[in-house]
Every structure is written in C-alpha cells, then in structure tokens.
Amino acid sequence: MAFTDIETARVRKAVGAFVERRRPPPHLREEVDLVFRLSGQSVEIFEVRRAYGGSPGEKIEHPVAKATYVRSARGWRVF
C-alpha cells in the first residue's frame, strides 16, 4: 500500500531537507549530486554522477540508502 497524500508530503519534506543539507555545492552538482525518490512505501537515496566515457548527458546512479515503511510494525526498515 502506497503512502497517503499527507504521508507523501511529510516524507518528501523530511527527506528533502535531509538530502539538501548533504548535497555538494552548486558548482559541483553537474558532476555529482545526491537525490532521492519515493517508490510505493520506500524512500531511496542515491548519488548521481556523470558517466565518464559515455555519451554526453549520460548519468549513473549509485544507491546510498533505502528505507521502507512497514505499516504493521509502524516503523521504518533501513537497508
């Protein structure tokens, strides 16, 4: 079961603030950046880098962390 609209807004706000504090300076974000996405009841944080030797604009994602909300336990499971 996915998050409700209110839960989604709360998670986006909390995780967005967390990630924003840890992002590299603006002049480096074209080379490397830290971002997140919501998928179902999971939040994924990952690093995005420009692919070296690849086509221009090609990006590579490296997973950093994943947390899934478990409703029955009323808590987060971090991977």
C-alpha atoms as a PDB file:
ATOM      1  CA  MET A   1       0.000   0.000   0.000  1.00  0.00           C
ATOM      2  CA  ALA A   2       1.445   3.375  -1.013  1.00  0.00           C
ATOM      3  CA  PHE A   3       1.665   6.440   1.196  1.00  0.00           C
ATOM      4  CA  THR A   4      -1.377   8.682   1.504  1.00  0.00           C
ATOM      5  CA  ASP A   5      -1.059  12.211   0.086  1.00  0.00           C
ATOM      6  CA  ILE A   6      -0.404  13.639   3.541  1.00  0.00           C
ATOM      7  CA  GLU A   7       2.216  10.984   4.338  1.00  0.00           C
ATOM      8  CA  THR A   8       3.875  11.587   0.960  1.00  0.00           C
ATOM      9  CA  ALA A   9       4.115  15.322   1.657  1.00  0.00           C
ATOM     10  CA  ARG A  10       5.608  14.700   5.108  1.00  0.00           C
ATOM     11  CA  VAL A  11       8.162  12.211   3.809  1.00  0.00           C
ATOM     12  CA  ARG A  12       9.146  14.476   0.895  1.00  0.00           C
ATOM     13  CA  LYS A  13       9.638  17.394   3.263  1.00  0.00           C
ATOM     14  CA  ALA A  14      11.716  15.417   5.796  1.00  0.00           C
ATOM     15  CA  VAL A  15      13.858  13.503   3.309  1.00  0.00           C
ATOM     16  CA  GLY A  16      14.204  16.559   1.060  1.00  0.00           C
ATOM     17  CA  ALA A  17      15.617  18.592   3.963  1.00  0.00           C
ATOM     18  CA  PHE A  18      17.946  15.722   4.922  1.00  0.00           C
ATOM     19  CA  VAL A  19      19.307  15.357   1.379  1.00  0.00           C
ATOM     20  CA  GLU A  20      19.547  19.126   0.782  1.00  0.00           C
ATOM     21  CA  ARG A  21      21.902  19.526   3.765  1.00  0.00           C
ATOM     22  CA  ARG A  22      24.221  16.865   2.319  1.00  0.00           C
ATOM     23  CA  ARG A  23      24.275  17.849  -1.364  1.00  0.00           C
ATOM     24  CA  PRO A  24      27.549  19.099  -2.826  1.00  0.00           C
ATOM     25  CA  PRO A  25      27.987  22.820  -3.602  1.00  0.00           C
ATOM     26  CA  PRO A  26      26.018  24.058  -6.651  1.00  0.00           C
ATOM     27  CA  HIS A  27      29.093  24.338  -8.882  1.00  0.00           C
ATOM     28  CA  LEU A  28      29.778  20.586  -8.450  1.00  0.00           C
ATOM     29  CA  ARG A  29      26.245  19.269  -8.938  1.00  0.00           C
ATOM     30  CA  GLU A  30      26.725  18.771 -12.680  1.00  0.00           C
ATOM     31  CA  GLU A  31      29.462  16.255 -11.846  1.00  0.00           C
ATOM     32  CA  VAL A  32      27.941  14.612  -8.747  1.00  0.00           C
ATOM     33  CA  ASP A  33      24.728  15.105  -6.828  1.00  0.00           C
ATOM     34  CA  LEU A  34      22.669  13.457  -4.108  1.00  0.00           C
ATOM     35  CA  VAL A  35      18.950  12.922  -4.759  1.00  0.00           C
ATOM     36  CA  PHE A  36      16.026  10.821  -3.571  1.00  0.00           C
ATOM     37  CA  ARG A  37      12.843   9.276  -4.915  1.00  0.00           C
ATOM     38  CA  LEU A  38       9.725   7.723  -3.436  1.00  0.00           C
ATOM     39  CA  SER A  39       8.540   4.379  -4.708  1.00  0.00           C
ATOM     40  CA  GLY A  40       5.498   2.831  -3.048  1.00  0.00           C
ATOM     41  CA  GLN A  41       6.320   2.837   0.671  1.00  0.00           C
ATOM     42  CA  SER A  42      10.060   3.149   0.104  1.00  0.00           C
ATOM     43  CA  VAL A  43      12.447   6.065   0.009  1.00  0.00           C
ATOM     44  CA  GLU A  44      15.656   5.658  -1.971  1.00  0.00           C
ATOM     45  CA  ILE A  45      18.643   7.982  -1.646  1.00  0.00           C
ATOM     46  CA  PHE A  46      21.254   7.762  -4.359  1.00  0.00           C
ATOM     47  CA  GLU A  47      24.230   9.547  -5.845  1.00  0.00           C
ATOM     48  CA  VAL A  48      24.051  10.680  -9.467  1.00  0.00           C
ATOM     49  CA  ARG A  49      27.283  11.095 -11.409  1.00  0.00           C
ATOM     50  CA  ARG A  50      28.095  11.995 -14.971  1.00  0.00           C
ATOM     51  CA  ALA A  51      29.156   8.863 -16.851  1.00  0.00           C
ATOM     52  CA  TYR A  52      32.799   9.043 -17.843  1.00  0.00           C
ATOM     53  CA  GLY A  53      33.459   7.915 -21.387  1.00  0.00           C
ATOM     54  CA  GLY A  54      29.720   7.671 -22.086  1.00  0.00           C
ATOM     55  CA  SER A  55      27.525   9.836 -24.244  1.00  0.00           C
ATOM     56  CA  PRO A  56      27.085  13.486 -23.199  1.00  0.00           C
ATOM     57  CA  GLY A  57      24.392  13.881 -20.574  1.00  0.00           C
ATOM     58  CA  GLU A  58      24.501  10.206 -19.576  1.00  0.00           C
ATOM     59  CA  LYS A  59      24.176   9.740 -15.802  1.00  0.00           C
ATOM     60  CA  ILE A  60      24.954   6.839 -13.489  1.00  0.00           C
ATOM     61  CA  GLU A  61      23.072   6.209 -10.233  1.00  0.00           C
ATOM     62  CA  HIS A  62      24.800   4.691  -7.202  1.00  0.00           C
ATOM     63  CA  PRO A  63      22.445   3.613  -4.387  1.00  0.00           C
ATOM     64  CA  VAL A  64      23.263   5.022  -0.955  1.00  0.00           C
ATOM     65  CA  ALA A  65      20.314   4.009   1.237  1.00  0.00           C
ATOM     66  CA  LYS A  66      16.792   2.645   1.105  1.00  0.00           C
ATOM     67  CA  ALA A  67      14.141   2.783   3.802  1.00  0.00           C
ATOM     68  CA  THR A  68      10.744   1.116   3.633  1.00  0.00           C
ATOM     69  CA  TYR A  69       7.851   1.927   5.934  1.00  0.00           C
ATOM     70  CA  VAL A  70       6.290  -1.197   7.468  1.00  0.00           C
ATOM     71  CA  ARG A  71       2.727  -0.340   8.477  1.00  0.00           C
ATOM     72  CA  SER A  72       2.199  -3.438  10.628  1.00  0.00           C
ATOM     73  CA  ALA A  73       5.267  -2.555  12.715  1.00  0.00           C
ATOM     74  CA  ARG A  74       4.619   1.205  12.473  1.00  0.00           C
ATOM     75  CA  GLY A  75       8.284   1.783  11.717  1.00  0.00           C
ATOM     76  CA  TRP A  76      10.950   2.095   9.077  1.00  0.00           C
ATOM     77  CA  ARG A  77      13.201  -0.688   7.873  1.00  0.00           C
ATOM     78  CA  VAL A  78      16.537   0.659   6.636  1.00  0.00           C
ATOM     79  CA  PHE A  79      18.639  -1.204   4.066  1.00  0.00           C
END
